[in-house]
Structure formats: structure tokens, C-alpha cells
mmCIF file of all heavy atoms, coordinates in Angstrom:
data_MODEL
# 
_entry.id   MODEL 
# 
loop_
_atom_site.group_PDB 
_atom_site.id 
_atom_site.type_symbol 
_atom_site.label_atom_id 
_atom_site.label_alt_id 
_atom_site.label_comp_id 
_atom_site.label_asym_id 
_atom_site.label_entity_id 
_atom_site.label_seq_id 
_atom_site.pdbx_PDB_ins_code 
_atom_site.Cartn_x 
_atom_site.Cartn_y 
_atom_site.Cartn_z 
_atom_site.occupancy 
_atom_site.B_iso_or_equiv 
_atom_site.pdbx_formal_charge 
_atom_site.auth_seq_id 
_atom_site.auth_comp_id 
_atom_site.auth_asym_id 
_atom_site.auth_atom_id 
_atom_site.pdbx_PDB_model_num 
ATOM 1   N N   . PHE A 1 1  ? 172.169 182.119 -14.253 1.00 0.00 ? 1  PHE A N   1 
ATOM 2   C CA  . PHE A 1 1  ? 170.964 181.910 -15.109 1.00 0.00 ? 1  PHE A CA  1 
ATOM 3   C C   . PHE A 1 1  ? 171.176 182.583 -16.481 1.00 0.00 ? 1  PHE A C   1 
ATOM 4   O O   . PHE A 1 1  ? 170.464 182.293 -17.403 1.00 0.00 ? 1  PHE A O   1 
ATOM 5   C CB  . PHE A 1 1  ? 169.726 182.528 -14.402 1.00 0.00 ? 1  PHE A CB  1 
ATOM 6   C CG  . PHE A 1 1  ? 169.322 181.491 -13.320 1.00 0.00 ? 1  PHE A CG  1 
ATOM 7   C CD1 . PHE A 1 1  ? 169.719 181.619 -11.965 1.00 0.00 ? 1  PHE A CD1 1 
ATOM 8   C CD2 . PHE A 1 1  ? 168.417 180.472 -13.589 1.00 0.00 ? 1  PHE A CD2 1 
ATOM 9   C CE1 . PHE A 1 1  ? 169.384 180.698 -11.019 1.00 0.00 ? 1  PHE A CE1 1 
ATOM 10  C CE2 . PHE A 1 1  ? 168.074 179.552 -12.669 1.00 0.00 ? 1  PHE A CE2 1 
ATOM 11  C CZ  . PHE A 1 1  ? 168.476 179.651 -11.337 1.00 0.00 ? 1  PHE A CZ  1 
ATOM 12  N N   . ALA A 1 2  ? 172.135 183.537 -16.523 1.00 0.00 ? 2  ALA A N   1 
ATOM 13  C CA  . ALA A 1 2  ? 172.440 184.114 -17.872 1.00 0.00 ? 2  ALA A CA  1 
ATOM 14  C C   . ALA A 1 2  ? 173.125 183.076 -18.664 1.00 0.00 ? 2  ALA A C   1 
ATOM 15  O O   . ALA A 1 2  ? 172.848 182.857 -19.951 1.00 0.00 ? 2  ALA A O   1 
ATOM 16  C CB  . ALA A 1 2  ? 173.293 185.334 -17.619 1.00 0.00 ? 2  ALA A CB  1 
ATOM 17  N N   . GLN A 1 3  ? 174.072 182.190 -18.017 1.00 0.00 ? 3  GLN A N   1 
ATOM 18  C CA  . GLN A 1 3  ? 174.613 181.082 -18.752 1.00 0.00 ? 3  GLN A CA  1 
ATOM 19  C C   . GLN A 1 3  ? 173.631 180.093 -19.145 1.00 0.00 ? 3  GLN A C   1 
ATOM 20  O O   . GLN A 1 3  ? 173.824 179.688 -20.362 1.00 0.00 ? 3  GLN A O   1 
ATOM 21  C CB  . GLN A 1 3  ? 175.756 180.522 -17.845 1.00 0.00 ? 3  GLN A CB  1 
ATOM 22  C CG  . GLN A 1 3  ? 176.984 181.390 -17.467 1.00 0.00 ? 3  GLN A CG  1 
ATOM 23  C CD  . GLN A 1 3  ? 177.877 180.536 -16.698 1.00 0.00 ? 3  GLN A CD  1 
ATOM 24  O OE1 . GLN A 1 3  ? 178.386 179.463 -17.091 1.00 0.00 ? 3  GLN A OE1 1 
ATOM 25  N NE2 . GLN A 1 3  ? 178.352 181.103 -15.590 1.00 0.00 ? 3  GLN A NE2 1 
ATOM 26  N N   . ILE A 1 4  ? 172.703 179.689 -18.333 1.00 0.00 ? 4  ILE A N   1 
ATOM 27  C CA  . ILE A 1 4  ? 171.745 178.747 -18.741 1.00 0.00 ? 4  ILE A CA  1 
ATOM 28  C C   . ILE A 1 4  ? 170.876 179.297 -19.842 1.00 0.00 ? 4  ILE A C   1 
ATOM 29  O O   . ILE A 1 4  ? 170.642 178.580 -20.832 1.00 0.00 ? 4  ILE A O   1 
ATOM 30  C CB  . ILE A 1 4  ? 170.803 178.527 -17.480 1.00 0.00 ? 4  ILE A CB  1 
ATOM 31  C CG1 . ILE A 1 4  ? 171.550 177.747 -16.370 1.00 0.00 ? 4  ILE A CG1 1 
ATOM 32  C CG2 . ILE A 1 4  ? 169.499 177.746 -17.832 1.00 0.00 ? 4  ILE A CG2 1 
ATOM 33  C CD1 . ILE A 1 4  ? 170.820 177.613 -15.028 1.00 0.00 ? 4  ILE A CD1 1 
ATOM 34  N N   . ASN A 1 5  ? 170.403 180.518 -19.762 1.00 0.00 ? 5  ASN A N   1 
ATOM 35  C CA  . ASN A 1 5  ? 169.624 181.090 -20.846 1.00 0.00 ? 5  ASN A CA  1 
ATOM 36  C C   . ASN A 1 5  ? 170.316 181.203 -22.145 1.00 0.00 ? 5  ASN A C   1 
ATOM 37  O O   . ASN A 1 5  ? 169.731 180.900 -23.209 1.00 0.00 ? 5  ASN A O   1 
ATOM 38  C CB  . ASN A 1 5  ? 169.119 182.458 -20.368 1.00 0.00 ? 5  ASN A CB  1 
ATOM 39  C CG  . ASN A 1 5  ? 167.997 182.480 -19.432 1.00 0.00 ? 5  ASN A CG  1 
ATOM 40  O OD1 . ASN A 1 5  ? 167.331 181.523 -19.178 1.00 0.00 ? 5  ASN A OD1 1 
ATOM 41  N ND2 . ASN A 1 5  ? 167.911 183.540 -18.608 1.00 0.00 ? 5  ASN A ND2 1 
ATOM 42  N N   . GLU A 1 6  ? 171.592 181.632 -22.088 1.00 0.00 ? 6  GLU A N   1 
ATOM 43  C CA  . GLU A 1 6  ? 172.334 181.654 -23.358 1.00 0.00 ? 6  GLU A CA  1 
ATOM 44  C C   . GLU A 1 6  ? 172.519 180.287 -24.010 1.00 0.00 ? 6  GLU A C   1 
ATOM 45  O O   . GLU A 1 6  ? 172.222 180.229 -25.212 1.00 0.00 ? 6  GLU A O   1 
ATOM 46  C CB  . GLU A 1 6  ? 173.753 182.216 -23.006 1.00 0.00 ? 6  GLU A CB  1 
ATOM 47  C CG  . GLU A 1 6  ? 174.635 182.553 -24.270 1.00 0.00 ? 6  GLU A CG  1 
ATOM 48  C CD  . GLU A 1 6  ? 175.951 183.079 -23.931 1.00 0.00 ? 6  GLU A CD  1 
ATOM 49  O OE1 . GLU A 1 6  ? 176.199 183.393 -22.731 1.00 0.00 ? 6  GLU A OE1 1 
ATOM 50  O OE2 . GLU A 1 6  ? 176.645 183.299 -24.892 1.00 0.00 ? 6  GLU A OE2 1 
ATOM 51  N N   . ARG A 1 7  ? 172.763 179.238 -23.261 1.00 0.00 ? 7  ARG A N   1 
ATOM 52  C CA  . ARG A 1 7  ? 172.861 177.928 -23.859 1.00 0.00 ? 7  ARG A CA  1 
ATOM 53  C C   . ARG A 1 7  ? 171.614 177.545 -24.391 1.00 0.00 ? 7  ARG A C   1 
ATOM 54  O O   . ARG A 1 7  ? 171.493 176.996 -25.484 1.00 0.00 ? 7  ARG A O   1 
ATOM 55  C CB  . ARG A 1 7  ? 173.491 176.931 -22.867 1.00 0.00 ? 7  ARG A CB  1 
ATOM 56  C CG  . ARG A 1 7  ? 174.999 177.060 -22.532 1.00 0.00 ? 7  ARG A CG  1 
ATOM 57  C CD  . ARG A 1 7  ? 175.523 175.950 -21.831 1.00 0.00 ? 7  ARG A CD  1 
ATOM 58  N NE  . ARG A 1 7  ? 175.374 174.640 -22.610 1.00 0.00 ? 7  ARG A NE  1 
ATOM 59  C CZ  . ARG A 1 7  ? 175.614 173.441 -22.298 1.00 0.00 ? 7  ARG A CZ  1 
ATOM 60  N NH1 . ARG A 1 7  ? 175.879 173.232 -21.082 1.00 0.00 ? 7  ARG A NH1 1 
ATOM 61  N NH2 . ARG A 1 7  ? 175.546 172.464 -23.023 1.00 0.00 ? 7  ARG A NH2 1 
ATOM 62  N N   . ILE A 1 8  ? 170.536 177.627 -23.664 1.00 0.00 ? 8  ILE A N   1 
ATOM 63  C CA  . ILE A 1 8  ? 169.206 177.123 -24.226 1.00 0.00 ? 8  ILE A CA  1 
ATOM 64  C C   . ILE A 1 8  ? 168.776 177.963 -25.362 1.00 0.00 ? 8  ILE A C   1 
ATOM 65  O O   . ILE A 1 8  ? 168.356 177.361 -26.329 1.00 0.00 ? 8  ILE A O   1 
ATOM 66  C CB  . ILE A 1 8  ? 168.217 177.326 -22.998 1.00 0.00 ? 8  ILE A CB  1 
ATOM 67  C CG1 . ILE A 1 8  ? 168.371 176.267 -21.971 1.00 0.00 ? 8  ILE A CG1 1 
ATOM 68  C CG2 . ILE A 1 8  ? 166.675 177.132 -23.511 1.00 0.00 ? 8  ILE A CG2 1 
ATOM 69  C CD1 . ILE A 1 8  ? 167.587 176.353 -20.757 1.00 0.00 ? 8  ILE A CD1 1 
ATOM 70  N N   . ASN A 1 9  ? 168.925 179.257 -25.375 1.00 0.00 ? 9  ASN A N   1 
ATOM 71  C CA  . ASN A 1 9  ? 168.518 180.150 -26.438 1.00 0.00 ? 9  ASN A CA  1 
ATOM 72  C C   . ASN A 1 9  ? 169.321 179.818 -27.843 1.00 0.00 ? 9  ASN A C   1 
ATOM 73  O O   . ASN A 1 9  ? 168.732 179.693 -28.891 1.00 0.00 ? 9  ASN A O   1 
ATOM 74  C CB  . ASN A 1 9  ? 168.784 181.605 -26.144 1.00 0.00 ? 9  ASN A CB  1 
ATOM 75  C CG  . ASN A 1 9  ? 167.542 182.026 -25.052 1.00 0.00 ? 9  ASN A CG  1 
ATOM 76  O OD1 . ASN A 1 9  ? 166.596 181.423 -25.038 1.00 0.00 ? 9  ASN A OD1 1 
ATOM 77  N ND2 . ASN A 1 9  ? 167.881 183.068 -24.384 1.00 0.00 ? 9  ASN A ND2 1 
ATOM 78  N N   . ASP A 1 10 ? 170.583 179.580 -27.548 1.00 0.00 ? 10 ASP A N   1 
ATOM 79  C CA  . ASP A 1 10 ? 171.426 179.180 -28.700 1.00 0.00 ? 10 ASP A CA  1 
ATOM 80  C C   . ASP A 1 10 ? 170.951 177.831 -29.273 1.00 0.00 ? 10 ASP A C   1 
ATOM 81  O O   . ASP A 1 10 ? 170.864 177.829 -30.669 1.00 0.00 ? 10 ASP A O   1 
ATOM 82  C CB  . ASP A 1 10 ? 173.009 178.988 -28.350 1.00 0.00 ? 10 ASP A CB  1 
ATOM 83  C CG  . ASP A 1 10 ? 173.616 180.292 -28.002 1.00 0.00 ? 10 ASP A CG  1 
ATOM 84  O OD1 . ASP A 1 10 ? 173.075 181.284 -28.338 1.00 0.00 ? 10 ASP A OD1 1 
ATOM 85  O OD2 . ASP A 1 10 ? 174.668 180.314 -27.351 1.00 0.00 ? 10 ASP A OD2 1 
ATOM 86  N N   . ILE A 1 11 ? 170.603 176.908 -28.579 1.00 0.00 ? 11 ILE A N   1 
ATOM 87  C CA  . ILE A 1 11 ? 170.158 175.656 -29.179 1.00 0.00 ? 11 ILE A CA  1 
ATOM 88  C C   . ILE A 1 11 ? 168.671 175.864 -29.708 1.00 0.00 ? 11 ILE A C   1 
ATOM 89  O O   . ILE A 1 11 ? 168.451 175.219 -30.878 1.00 0.00 ? 11 ILE A O   1 
ATOM 90  C CB  . ILE A 1 11 ? 170.204 174.483 -28.014 1.00 0.00 ? 11 ILE A CB  1 
ATOM 91  C CG1 . ILE A 1 11 ? 171.573 174.287 -27.565 1.00 0.00 ? 11 ILE A CG1 1 
ATOM 92  C CG2 . ILE A 1 11 ? 169.529 173.221 -28.517 1.00 0.00 ? 11 ILE A CG2 1 
ATOM 93  C CD1 . ILE A 1 11 ? 171.609 173.281 -26.356 1.00 0.00 ? 11 ILE A CD1 1 
ATOM 94  N N   . MET A 1 12 ? 167.945 176.567 -29.076 1.00 0.00 ? 12 MET A N   1 
ATOM 95  C CA  . MET A 1 12 ? 166.520 176.839 -29.648 1.00 0.00 ? 12 MET A CA  1 
ATOM 96  C C   . MET A 1 12 ? 166.571 177.484 -31.015 1.00 0.00 ? 12 MET A C   1 
ATOM 97  O O   . MET A 1 12 ? 165.864 177.108 -31.926 1.00 0.00 ? 12 MET A O   1 
ATOM 98  C CB  . MET A 1 12 ? 165.737 177.661 -28.694 1.00 0.00 ? 12 MET A CB  1 
ATOM 99  C CG  . MET A 1 12 ? 165.508 176.931 -27.357 1.00 0.00 ? 12 MET A CG  1 
ATOM 100 S SD  . MET A 1 12 ? 164.108 175.775 -27.443 1.00 0.00 ? 12 MET A SD  1 
ATOM 101 C CE  . MET A 1 12 ? 162.708 176.937 -27.086 1.00 0.00 ? 12 MET A CE  1 
ATOM 102 N N   . GLU A 1 13 ? 167.470 178.454 -31.134 1.00 0.00 ? 13 GLU A N   1 
ATOM 103 C CA  . GLU A 1 13 ? 167.591 179.187 -32.449 1.00 0.00 ? 13 GLU A CA  1 
ATOM 104 C C   . GLU A 1 13 ? 168.205 178.292 -33.574 1.00 0.00 ? 13 GLU A C   1 
ATOM 105 O O   . GLU A 1 13 ? 167.849 178.370 -34.810 1.00 0.00 ? 13 GLU A O   1 
ATOM 106 C CB  . GLU A 1 13 ? 168.515 180.390 -32.218 1.00 0.00 ? 13 GLU A CB  1 
ATOM 107 C CG  . GLU A 1 13 ? 167.856 181.511 -31.400 1.00 0.00 ? 13 GLU A CG  1 
ATOM 108 C CD  . GLU A 1 13 ? 168.810 182.603 -31.197 1.00 0.00 ? 13 GLU A CD  1 
ATOM 109 O OE1 . GLU A 1 13 ? 169.953 182.570 -31.770 1.00 0.00 ? 13 GLU A OE1 1 
ATOM 110 O OE2 . GLU A 1 13 ? 168.585 183.644 -30.329 1.00 0.00 ? 13 GLU A OE2 1 
ATOM 111 N N   . GLU A 1 14 ? 169.054 177.358 -33.164 1.00 0.00 ? 14 GLU A N   1 
ATOM 112 C CA  . GLU A 1 14 ? 169.625 176.423 -34.074 1.00 0.00 ? 14 GLU A CA  1 
ATOM 113 C C   . GLU A 1 14 ? 168.830 175.198 -34.447 1.00 0.00 ? 14 GLU A C   1 
ATOM 114 O O   . GLU A 1 14 ? 169.076 174.584 -35.410 1.00 0.00 ? 14 GLU A O   1 
ATOM 115 C CB  . GLU A 1 14 ? 171.036 175.898 -33.660 1.00 0.00 ? 14 GLU A CB  1 
ATOM 116 C CG  . GLU A 1 14 ? 172.024 177.028 -33.474 1.00 0.00 ? 14 GLU A CG  1 
ATOM 117 C CD  . GLU A 1 14 ? 173.222 176.529 -32.737 1.00 0.00 ? 14 GLU A CD  1 
ATOM 118 O OE1 . GLU A 1 14 ? 173.262 175.346 -32.190 1.00 0.00 ? 14 GLU A OE1 1 
ATOM 119 O OE2 . GLU A 1 14 ? 174.185 177.274 -32.360 1.00 0.00 ? 14 GLU A OE2 1 
ATOM 120 N N   . THR A 1 15 ? 167.740 175.025 -33.711 1.00 0.00 ? 15 THR A N   1 
ATOM 121 C CA  . THR A 1 15 ? 166.886 173.843 -33.931 1.00 0.00 ? 15 THR A CA  1 
ATOM 122 C C   . THR A 1 15 ? 165.415 174.159 -34.277 1.00 0.00 ? 15 THR A C   1 
ATOM 123 O O   . THR A 1 15 ? 164.616 174.373 -33.311 1.00 0.00 ? 15 THR A O   1 
ATOM 124 C CB  . THR A 1 15 ? 166.977 172.939 -32.718 1.00 0.00 ? 15 THR A CB  1 
ATOM 125 O OG1 . THR A 1 15 ? 168.280 172.769 -32.249 1.00 0.00 ? 15 THR A OG1 1 
ATOM 126 C CG2 . THR A 1 15 ? 166.421 171.499 -33.005 1.00 0.00 ? 15 THR A CG2 1 
ATOM 127 N N   . PRO A 1 16 ? 165.037 174.332 -35.483 1.00 0.00 ? 16 PRO A N   1 
ATOM 128 C CA  . PRO A 1 16 ? 163.694 174.620 -35.797 1.00 0.00 ? 16 PRO A CA  1 
ATOM 129 C C   . PRO A 1 16 ? 162.663 173.602 -35.197 1.00 0.00 ? 16 PRO A C   1 
ATOM 130 O O   . PRO A 1 16 ? 162.913 172.388 -35.201 1.00 0.00 ? 16 PRO A O   1 
ATOM 131 C CB  . PRO A 1 16 ? 163.704 174.572 -37.439 1.00 0.00 ? 16 PRO A CB  1 
ATOM 132 C CG  . PRO A 1 16 ? 165.096 174.764 -37.795 1.00 0.00 ? 16 PRO A CG  1 
ATOM 133 C CD  . PRO A 1 16 ? 165.895 174.153 -36.683 1.00 0.00 ? 16 PRO A CD  1 
ATOM 134 N N   . GLY A 1 17 ? 161.574 174.123 -34.813 1.00 0.00 ? 17 GLY A N   1 
ATOM 135 C CA  . GLY A 1 17 ? 160.472 173.194 -34.345 1.00 0.00 ? 17 GLY A CA  1 
ATOM 136 C C   . GLY A 1 17 ? 160.655 172.753 -32.808 1.00 0.00 ? 17 GLY A C   1 
ATOM 137 O O   . GLY A 1 17 ? 159.800 172.010 -32.406 1.00 0.00 ? 17 GLY A O   1 
ATOM 138 N N   . LEU A 1 18 ? 161.719 173.028 -32.267 1.00 0.00 ? 18 LEU A N   1 
ATOM 139 C CA  . LEU A 1 18 ? 162.137 172.646 -30.935 1.00 0.00 ? 18 LEU A CA  1 
ATOM 140 C C   . LEU A 1 18 ? 161.184 173.335 -29.884 1.00 0.00 ? 18 LEU A C   1 
ATOM 141 O O   . LEU A 1 18 ? 160.901 172.746 -28.727 1.00 0.00 ? 18 LEU A O   1 
ATOM 142 C CB  . LEU A 1 18 ? 163.531 172.867 -30.594 1.00 0.00 ? 18 LEU A CB  1 
ATOM 143 C CG  . LEU A 1 18 ? 164.093 172.199 -29.225 1.00 0.00 ? 18 LEU A CG  1 
ATOM 144 C CD1 . LEU A 1 18 ? 163.871 170.653 -29.378 1.00 0.00 ? 18 LEU A CD1 1 
ATOM 145 C CD2 . LEU A 1 18 ? 165.509 172.547 -29.113 1.00 0.00 ? 18 LEU A CD2 1 
ATOM 146 N N   . SER A 1 19 ? 160.785 174.550 -30.132 1.00 0.00 ? 19 SER A N   1 
ATOM 147 C CA  . SER A 1 19 ? 160.074 175.340 -29.075 1.00 0.00 ? 19 SER A CA  1 
ATOM 148 C C   . SER A 1 19 ? 158.777 174.687 -28.593 1.00 0.00 ? 19 SER A C   1 
ATOM 149 O O   . SER A 1 19 ? 158.244 175.003 -27.527 1.00 0.00 ? 19 SER A O   1 
ATOM 150 C CB  . SER A 1 19 ? 159.841 176.820 -29.514 1.00 0.00 ? 19 SER A CB  1 
ATOM 151 O OG  . SER A 1 19 ? 159.109 176.805 -30.843 1.00 0.00 ? 19 SER A OG  1 
ATOM 152 N N   . GLU A 1 20 ? 158.067 173.956 -29.497 1.00 0.00 ? 20 GLU A N   1 
ATOM 153 C CA  . GLU A 1 20 ? 156.788 173.394 -29.246 1.00 0.00 ? 20 GLU A CA  1 
ATOM 154 C C   . GLU A 1 20 ? 156.871 171.907 -28.879 1.00 0.00 ? 20 GLU A C   1 
ATOM 155 O O   . GLU A 1 20 ? 155.840 171.332 -28.539 1.00 0.00 ? 20 GLU A O   1 
ATOM 156 C CB  . GLU A 1 20 ? 155.814 173.601 -30.349 1.00 0.00 ? 20 GLU A CB  1 
ATOM 157 C CG  . GLU A 1 20 ? 155.456 175.145 -30.709 1.00 0.00 ? 20 GLU A CG  1 
ATOM 158 C CD  . GLU A 1 20 ? 154.979 175.813 -29.356 1.00 0.00 ? 20 GLU A CD  1 
ATOM 159 O OE1 . GLU A 1 20 ? 154.151 175.242 -28.614 1.00 0.00 ? 20 GLU A OE1 1 
ATOM 160 O OE2 . GLU A 1 20 ? 155.396 177.010 -29.076 1.00 0.00 ? 20 GLU A OE2 1 
ATOM 161 N N   . ASN A 1 21 ? 158.033 171.301 -28.864 1.00 0.00 ? 21 ASN A N   1 
ATOM 162 C CA  . ASN A 1 21 ? 158.143 169.912 -28.647 1.00 0.00 ? 21 ASN A CA  1 
ATOM 163 C C   . ASN A 1 21 ? 158.914 169.645 -27.390 1.00 0.00 ? 21 ASN A C   1 
ATOM 164 O O   . ASN A 1 21 ? 160.111 169.629 -27.286 1.00 0.00 ? 21 ASN A O   1 
ATOM 165 C CB  . ASN A 1 21 ? 158.912 169.259 -29.805 1.00 0.00 ? 21 ASN A CB  1 
ATOM 166 C CG  . ASN A 1 21 ? 158.945 167.663 -29.764 1.00 0.00 ? 21 ASN A CG  1 
ATOM 167 O OD1 . ASN A 1 21 ? 158.872 167.099 -28.643 1.00 0.00 ? 21 ASN A OD1 1 
ATOM 168 N ND2 . ASN A 1 21 ? 158.885 167.028 -30.997 1.00 0.00 ? 21 ASN A ND2 1 
ATOM 169 N N   . VAL A 1 22 ? 158.026 169.512 -26.220 1.00 0.00 ? 22 VAL A N   1 
ATOM 170 C CA  . VAL A 1 22 ? 158.511 169.302 -24.927 1.00 0.00 ? 22 VAL A CA  1 
ATOM 171 C C   . VAL A 1 22 ? 159.521 168.077 -24.848 1.00 0.00 ? 22 VAL A C   1 
ATOM 172 O O   . VAL A 1 22 ? 160.649 168.115 -24.177 1.00 0.00 ? 22 VAL A O   1 
ATOM 173 C CB  . VAL A 1 22 ? 157.548 169.284 -23.841 1.00 0.00 ? 22 VAL A CB  1 
ATOM 174 C CG1 . VAL A 1 22 ? 158.079 169.176 -22.494 1.00 0.00 ? 22 VAL A CG1 1 
ATOM 175 C CG2 . VAL A 1 22 ? 156.804 170.704 -23.966 1.00 0.00 ? 22 VAL A CG2 1 
ATOM 176 N N   . ALA A 1 23 ? 159.102 167.038 -25.339 1.00 0.00 ? 23 ALA A N   1 
ATOM 177 C CA  . ALA A 1 23 ? 159.948 165.775 -25.236 1.00 0.00 ? 23 ALA A CA  1 
ATOM 178 C C   . ALA A 1 23 ? 161.302 165.939 -25.849 1.00 0.00 ? 23 ALA A C   1 
ATOM 179 O O   . ALA A 1 23 ? 162.253 165.516 -25.300 1.00 0.00 ? 23 ALA A O   1 
ATOM 180 C CB  . ALA A 1 23 ? 159.163 164.670 -25.997 1.00 0.00 ? 23 ALA A CB  1 
ATOM 181 N N   . ARG A 1 24 ? 161.440 166.614 -27.038 1.00 0.00 ? 24 ARG A N   1 
ATOM 182 C CA  . ARG A 1 24 ? 162.647 166.907 -27.674 1.00 0.00 ? 24 ARG A CA  1 
ATOM 183 C C   . ARG A 1 24 ? 163.417 167.955 -26.882 1.00 0.00 ? 24 ARG A C   1 
ATOM 184 O O   . ARG A 1 24 ? 164.696 167.976 -26.786 1.00 0.00 ? 24 ARG A O   1 
ATOM 185 C CB  . ARG A 1 24 ? 162.525 167.445 -29.091 1.00 0.00 ? 24 ARG A CB  1 
ATOM 186 C CG  . ARG A 1 24 ? 162.301 166.428 -30.148 1.00 0.00 ? 24 ARG A CG  1 
ATOM 187 C CD  . ARG A 1 24 ? 162.228 166.945 -31.561 1.00 0.00 ? 24 ARG A CD  1 
ATOM 188 N NE  . ARG A 1 24 ? 163.571 167.498 -31.885 1.00 0.00 ? 24 ARG A NE  1 
ATOM 189 C CZ  . ARG A 1 24 ? 163.878 168.390 -32.880 1.00 0.00 ? 24 ARG A CZ  1 
ATOM 190 N NH1 . ARG A 1 24 ? 162.828 168.743 -33.649 1.00 0.00 ? 24 ARG A NH1 1 
ATOM 191 N NH2 . ARG A 1 24 ? 164.969 168.788 -33.093 1.00 0.00 ? 24 ARG A NH2 1 
# 
């Protein structure tokens, strides 16, 4: 789950507006 969180967090930080768009 550390690997999962790291990958998800990296993408979230690099992609503005992603945090509120569930479809994206």
C-alpha cells in the first residue's frame, strides 16, 4: 500500500484539478 499511495500521490501532485474529478 505504500507503493500504491506513492504512485497515486505522484500523479495527483503532477495533475492539477484531478483531486475533485472522480471520472478522471
